[in-house]
Amino acid sequence: DGRTRLGQTYTIDMPITGTVERINLEIGDTVEAGDVVARIDRYPLEQKIRELEAMIDQAEARVTGVDVAKPKEVDITSASIRVRESEDALQIARKRMAEVEHNLQQAERDFERAQKLREDGVVSQSFYDEAEVRYKSLTEQRQRTALETYAAEKSLRLSELAHTRLVDSIDDNEYQRAEHRSGIEALKAQLALLKHDLLKTEIKAPVTGPVLEKFVENSRVLNAGQQLLEIGD
């Protein structure tokens, strides 16, 4: 009796999880090294690739949106100018308020003296009326100046808040940009893996030789590592 032995055998496994198409080879058929011996359905992988590419495009658009929304240097400069202008306006208002306070105190003393002199019959009614008008006029002017000062203080506060918000938003935008970029890199890593798997959907013979075993007949879903064929060298 004689026995024929093969120098080496090669088991061809599923490189990835997927649906293997029907294998038309039969036991005893000879294949050449590099021949496609089995195929895995590409459609699910191609769909995932398209979905990831769309997600990457959306993420890139979000990065662009962050860049557009990012405050420009000219905006920050303008906000700084408005703060300085508001500071100047408040300083002027406070100076005017101090002058009015001083004049009002003098007018109040003059009016009180005019009242006493009129009661004593020393001054005329017109002198008294003039002192009273000046006192009341400066009282109203003080109220108006106080409102102007209050408005100037509020304007400065708003200008400072606007400037601070612009400056702080730079950091916020950079954080958002970094977050989106990180997400894009993760998506691209997944995309590279899927494209690499796509190359494995055509399973090729590693050597030239006969088909010794055929473990799968019809199309079916198999996990990575499950055996498909055994080829002898």
Protein backbone atom coordinates (compact mmCIF):
# COMPACT_ATOMS: atom_id res chain seq x y z
CA ASP A 1 0.00 0.00 0.00
CA GLY A 2 1.19 3.52 -0.74
CA ARG A 3 0.35 6.79 1.07
CA THR A 4 0.41 10.25 -0.44
CA ARG A 5 1.33 13.09 1.89
CA LEU A 6 1.12 16.86 1.43
CA GLY A 7 4.09 18.97 2.39
CA GLN A 8 1.84 21.52 4.19
CA THR A 9 -1.83 22.42 4.58
CA TYR A 10 -3.37 25.88 4.92
CA THR A 11 -6.70 26.59 6.60
CA ILE A 12 -8.49 29.65 5.26
CA ASP A 13 -10.55 31.39 7.95
CA MET A 14 -13.03 34.27 7.97
CA PRO A 15 -10.86 37.41 8.34
CA ILE A 16 -13.79 39.48 9.62
CA THR A 17 -17.34 38.87 10.79
CA GLY A 18 -19.82 39.03 7.93
CA THR A 19 -21.93 37.18 5.40
CA VAL A 20 -19.81 34.89 3.24
CA GLU A 21 -21.18 34.31 -0.26
CA ARG A 22 -21.62 30.82 -1.69
CA ILE A 23 -18.24 29.18 -2.38
CA ASN A 24 -18.24 27.55 -5.81
CA LEU A 25 -15.05 25.53 -5.29
CA GLU A 26 -15.28 21.84 -4.62
CA ILE A 27 -12.96 19.42 -2.87
CA GLY A 28 -10.23 18.42 -5.30
CA ASP A 29 -10.28 21.68 -7.28
CA THR A 30 -6.88 23.26 -7.67
CA VAL A 31 -6.40 26.96 -6.98
CA GLU A 32 -3.50 29.25 -7.73
CA ALA A 33 -1.88 31.43 -5.11
CA GLY A 34 -3.68 34.78 -5.13
CA ASP A 35 -6.93 33.44 -6.58
CA VAL A 36 -10.12 34.68 -4.90
CA VAL A 37 -11.57 31.61 -3.21
CA ALA A 38 -14.39 33.28 -1.22
CA ARG A 39 -16.11 36.64 -0.93
CA ILE A 40 -17.78 38.46 1.97
CA ASP A 41 -20.75 40.73 1.32
CA ARG A 42 -19.35 44.28 1.06
CA TYR A 43 -22.65 46.16 1.34
CA PRO A 44 -22.86 46.47 5.17
CA LEU A 45 -19.29 47.76 5.32
CA GLU A 46 -19.86 50.20 2.46
CA GLN A 47 -22.98 51.52 4.22
CA LYS A 48 -21.08 52.04 7.48
CA ILE A 49 -18.30 53.79 5.58
CA ARG A 50 -20.79 56.19 3.96
CA GLU A 51 -22.41 56.87 7.34
CA LEU A 52 -19.06 57.62 8.95
CA GLU A 53 -18.03 59.89 6.07
CA ALA A 54 -21.30 61.81 6.50
CA MET A 55 -20.69 62.10 10.25
CA ILE A 56 -17.17 63.41 9.59
CA ASP A 57 -18.57 66.01 7.16
CA GLN A 58 -21.07 67.13 9.81
CA ALA A 59 -18.36 67.38 12.44
CA GLU A 60 -16.17 69.39 10.06
CA ALA A 61 -19.10 71.72 9.48
CA ARG A 62 -19.44 72.18 13.25
CA VAL A 63 -15.75 73.09 13.46
CA THR A 64 -16.29 75.65 10.70
CA GLY A 65 -19.27 77.02 12.62
CA VAL A 66 -17.14 77.38 15.75
CA ASP A 67 -14.45 79.20 13.75
CA VAL A 68 -17.04 81.56 12.25
CA ALA A 69 -18.58 82.25 15.67
CA LYS A 70 -15.19 82.83 17.23
CA PRO A 71 -14.80 86.52 18.15
CA LYS A 72 -12.48 88.41 15.85
CA GLU A 73 -9.63 90.57 17.09
CA VAL A 74 -11.37 93.67 15.73
CA ASP A 75 -14.47 92.83 17.82
CA ILE A 76 -12.41 92.57 21.00
CA THR A 77 -10.60 95.80 20.17
CA SER A 78 -13.92 97.58 19.60
CA ALA A 79 -15.24 96.25 22.90
CA SER A 80 -12.12 97.54 24.67
CA ILE A 81 -12.62 100.97 23.11
CA ARG A 82 -16.25 101.01 24.28
CA VAL A 83 -15.09 100.19 27.82
CA ARG A 84 -12.64 103.10 27.79
CA GLU A 85 -15.28 105.44 26.37
CA SER A 86 -17.71 104.37 29.09
CA GLU A 87 -15.04 104.92 31.74
CA ASP A 88 -14.43 108.44 30.39
CA ALA A 89 -18.17 109.18 30.32
CA LEU A 90 -18.56 108.00 33.91
CA GLN A 91 -15.60 110.11 35.02
CA ILE A 92 -17.13 113.20 33.38
CA ALA A 93 -20.54 112.46 34.96
CA ARG A 94 -19.00 112.10 38.42
CA LYS A 95 -17.05 115.32 38.00
CA ARG A 96 -20.22 117.14 36.95
CA MET A 97 -22.02 115.59 39.92
CA ALA A 98 -19.37 116.92 42.29
CA GLU A 99 -19.69 120.42 40.82
CA VAL A 100 -23.48 120.36 41.11
CA GLU A 101 -23.24 119.15 44.73
CA HIS A 102 -20.90 121.99 45.56
CA ASN A 103 -23.13 124.59 43.86
CA LEU A 104 -26.23 123.14 45.49
CA GLN A 105 -24.71 123.37 48.96
CA GLN A 106 -23.85 127.04 48.31
CA ALA A 107 -27.34 127.72 46.88
CA GLU A 108 -28.93 126.07 49.92
CA ARG A 109 -26.95 128.29 52.29
CA ASP A 110 -27.85 131.37 50.22
CA PHE A 111 -31.54 130.42 50.22
CA GLU A 112 -31.59 129.86 53.99
CA ARG A 113 -29.91 133.25 54.53
CA ALA A 114 -32.39 134.91 52.14
CA GLN A 115 -35.28 133.38 54.12
CA LYS A 116 -33.93 134.81 57.38
CA LEU A 117 -33.23 138.21 55.85
CA ARG A 118 -36.71 138.38 54.35
CA GLU A 119 -38.25 137.53 57.70
CA ASP A 120 -36.21 140.35 59.20
CA GLY A 121 -37.36 142.64 56.38
CA VAL A 122 -33.81 143.34 55.26
CA VAL A 123 -34.05 142.09 51.64
CA SER A 124 -36.65 142.43 48.94
CA GLN A 125 -38.98 139.72 47.71
CA SER A 126 -37.16 139.57 44.37
CA PHE A 127 -33.86 138.78 46.14
CA TYR A 128 -35.56 135.98 48.04
CA ASP A 129 -37.26 134.67 44.87
CA GLU A 130 -33.95 134.63 42.99
CA ALA A 131 -32.28 132.60 45.75
CA GLU A 132 -35.21 130.20 45.85
CA VAL A 133 -35.22 129.70 42.08
CA ARG A 134 -31.47 129.00 42.07
CA TYR A 135 -31.80 126.52 44.92
CA LYS A 136 -34.69 124.64 43.29
CA SER A 137 -32.98 124.68 39.89
CA LEU A 138 -29.79 123.18 41.31
CA THR A 139 -31.86 120.58 43.23
CA GLU A 140 -33.44 119.44 39.97
CA GLN A 141 -30.05 119.56 38.26
CA ARG A 142 -28.61 117.35 40.99
CA GLN A 143 -31.37 114.76 40.42
CA ARG A 144 -30.75 114.81 36.68
CA THR A 145 -26.99 114.54 37.13
CA ALA A 146 -27.47 111.65 39.56
CA LEU A 147 -29.48 109.81 36.91
CA GLU A 148 -26.80 110.55 34.31
CA THR A 149 -24.13 109.16 36.63
CA TYR A 150 -26.23 106.05 37.30
CA ALA A 151 -26.71 105.55 33.55
CA ALA A 152 -22.98 105.98 32.94
CA GLU A 153 -22.20 103.38 35.63
CA LYS A 154 -24.64 100.92 34.05
CA SER A 155 -23.21 101.60 30.59
CA LEU A 156 -19.69 100.90 31.85
CA ARG A 157 -20.86 97.68 33.50
CA LEU A 158 -22.50 96.50 30.28
CA SER A 159 -19.41 97.40 28.24
CA GLU A 160 -17.19 95.47 30.66
CA LEU A 161 -19.52 92.46 30.54
CA ALA A 162 -19.57 92.52 26.73
CA HIS A 163 -15.78 92.69 26.61
CA THR A 164 -15.39 89.90 29.19
CA ARG A 165 -17.91 87.74 27.34
CA LEU A 166 -15.98 88.15 24.08
CA VAL A 167 -12.65 87.34 25.69
CA ASP A 168 -14.02 84.34 27.59
CA SER A 169 -15.78 83.01 24.50
CA ILE A 170 -12.38 82.54 22.86
CA ASP A 171 -11.61 79.81 25.39
CA ASP A 172 -15.12 78.39 25.04
CA ASN A 173 -14.77 78.23 21.26
CA GLU A 174 -11.34 76.65 21.49
CA TYR A 175 -12.75 73.99 23.82
CA GLN A 176 -15.61 73.28 21.44
CA ARG A 177 -13.22 73.19 18.50
CA ALA A 178 -10.91 70.76 20.29
CA GLU A 179 -13.89 68.59 21.26
CA HIS A 180 -15.14 68.44 17.67
CA ARG A 181 -11.64 67.73 16.36
CA SER A 182 -11.24 64.91 18.85
CA GLY A 183 -14.54 63.43 17.67
CA ILE A 184 -13.42 63.74 14.04
CA GLU A 185 -10.18 61.88 14.78
CA ALA A 186 -12.14 59.08 16.47
CA LEU A 187 -14.47 58.83 13.46
CA LYS A 188 -11.53 58.77 11.06
CA ALA A 189 -9.96 55.95 13.06
CA GLN A 190 -13.19 53.95 12.73
CA LEU A 191 -13.33 54.79 9.02
CA ALA A 192 -9.76 53.55 8.49
CA LEU A 193 -10.63 50.29 10.24
CA LEU A 194 -13.72 49.76 8.07
CA LYS A 195 -11.78 50.48 4.88
CA HIS A 196 -9.15 48.00 6.03
CA ASP A 197 -11.88 45.41 6.61
CA LEU A 198 -13.30 46.17 3.18
CA LEU A 199 -10.03 44.97 1.64
CA LYS A 200 -10.55 41.63 3.38
CA THR A 201 -13.88 40.92 1.71
CA GLU A 202 -12.03 39.14 -1.11
CA ILE A 203 -10.38 36.10 0.45
CA LYS A 204 -7.42 34.82 -1.60
CA ALA A 205 -5.58 31.55 -1.65
CA PRO A 206 -2.22 31.79 0.13
CA VAL A 207 -0.63 29.04 -1.97
CA THR A 208 -1.18 26.95 -5.07
CA GLY A 209 -2.72 23.60 -4.33
CA PRO A 210 -5.86 21.47 -4.17
CA VAL A 211 -8.90 22.11 -2.00
CA LEU A 212 -8.80 19.48 0.72
CA GLU A 213 -11.78 20.53 2.85
CA LYS A 214 -14.77 22.79 2.38
CA PHE A 215 -16.38 23.77 5.65
CA VAL A 216 -19.12 26.07 4.30
CA GLU A 217 -21.46 25.33 1.43
CA ASN A 218 -24.01 28.12 1.17
CA SER A 219 -24.10 31.82 2.01
CA ARG A 220 -24.29 32.45 5.75
CA VAL A 221 -23.20 34.82 8.50
CA LEU A 222 -19.95 33.75 10.12
CA ASN A 223 -17.76 35.19 12.82
CA ALA A 224 -14.15 36.11 12.29
CA GLY A 225 -11.93 33.06 12.66
CA GLN A 226 -14.43 30.44 11.47
CA GLN A 227 -12.98 28.00 8.93
CA LEU A 228 -13.90 28.15 5.24
CA LEU A 229 -11.47 25.99 3.31
CA GLU A 230 -8.37 23.88 3.67
CA ILE A 231 -5.81 23.96 0.87
CA GLY A 232 -2.79 21.68 0.46
CA ASP A 233 0.61 22.70 -0.78
